[in-house]
Protein backbone atom coordinates (compact mmCIF):
# COMPACT_ATOMS: atom_id res chain seq x y z
CA MET A 1 21.99 -11.83 -22.68
CA VAL A 2 23.92 -9.39 -25.47
CA VAL A 3 26.36 -6.81 -24.74
CA ILE A 4 26.52 -4.00 -26.92
CA ALA A 5 29.76 -2.42 -27.06
CA GLU A 6 31.04 1.02 -28.43
CA ARG A 7 34.73 1.31 -29.50
CA GLY A 8 35.57 -2.06 -27.19
CA ARG A 9 33.57 -0.61 -24.46
CA PRO A 10 30.65 -2.04 -22.83
CA VAL A 11 27.68 0.50 -23.60
CA ALA A 12 24.40 -1.38 -23.18
CA ARG A 13 22.89 -4.96 -22.32
CA LEU A 14 19.76 -6.64 -23.89
CA ALA A 15 18.49 -8.93 -21.64
CA PRO A 16 15.23 -11.02 -21.62
CA ILE A 17 12.36 -9.81 -20.21
CA ARG A 18 11.11 -11.30 -16.52
CA PRO A 19 8.12 -13.01 -17.02
CA THR A 20 5.40 -12.00 -14.90
CA VAL A 21 4.14 -13.73 -11.61
CA GLU A 22 1.29 -15.30 -13.32
CA GLN A 23 3.30 -16.13 -16.49
CA ARG A 24 5.85 -17.85 -13.79
CA LEU A 25 2.66 -19.52 -11.90
CA GLU A 26 1.46 -20.93 -15.44
CA GLU A 27 5.05 -22.15 -16.22
CA LEU A 28 5.48 -24.15 -12.63
CA ILE A 29 2.08 -25.99 -13.11
CA GLU A 30 2.55 -26.94 -16.65
CA ALA A 31 6.04 -28.35 -15.69
CA GLY A 32 4.23 -30.65 -12.72
CA LEU A 33 5.54 -28.45 -9.78
CA LEU A 34 2.39 -26.76 -8.47
CA GLU A 35 -0.82 -27.34 -8.38
CA TRP A 36 -3.52 -24.70 -8.48
CA ASN A 37 -7.31 -24.80 -7.93
CA ASP A 38 -7.75 -21.37 -9.37
CA GLN A 39 -9.00 -20.05 -5.98
CA GLY A 40 -7.79 -16.89 -4.58
CA MET A 41 -5.95 -17.22 -1.04
CA THR A 42 -7.12 -15.59 1.86
CA PRO A 43 -4.81 -13.40 3.27
CA SER A 44 -4.10 -14.46 7.01
CA MET A 45 -2.81 -11.70 9.48
CA PRO A 46 0.12 -12.55 11.60
CA GLU A 47 -0.57 -13.48 15.21
CA ILE A 48 1.69 -10.99 17.39
CA GLU A 49 1.10 -10.94 21.02
CA ALA A 50 3.20 -8.40 23.02
CA ARG A 51 4.49 -9.59 26.22
CA GLY A 52 3.50 -7.87 29.58
CA ASP A 53 0.82 -5.06 30.06
CA ALA A 54 1.90 -2.46 27.32
CA THR A 55 0.40 -2.97 24.01
CA VAL A 56 2.26 -3.11 20.79
CA ALA A 57 1.59 0.43 19.94
CA GLU A 58 3.21 1.90 23.37
CA LEU A 59 6.16 -0.50 22.80
CA LEU A 60 6.55 0.65 19.37
CA LEU A 61 6.59 3.97 20.44
CA GLU A 62 8.97 3.28 23.47
CA ASP A 63 11.18 1.89 21.37
CA ARG A 64 11.36 4.92 19.07
CA GLU A 65 12.26 7.29 21.67
């Protein structure tokens, strides 16, 4: 990182551009820290169960009151 100063006071910073997720994944694969089969991941829905007879929506509405 480079700090740019004007009359001794910092006024700007030059920093490297952060890599994209794809670039970072490729770096991890090349370093041998990650294995990838080039297939997408299937999203999973979290399993949430409400206790008692109330639905999750009813509990949420009750909590907002």
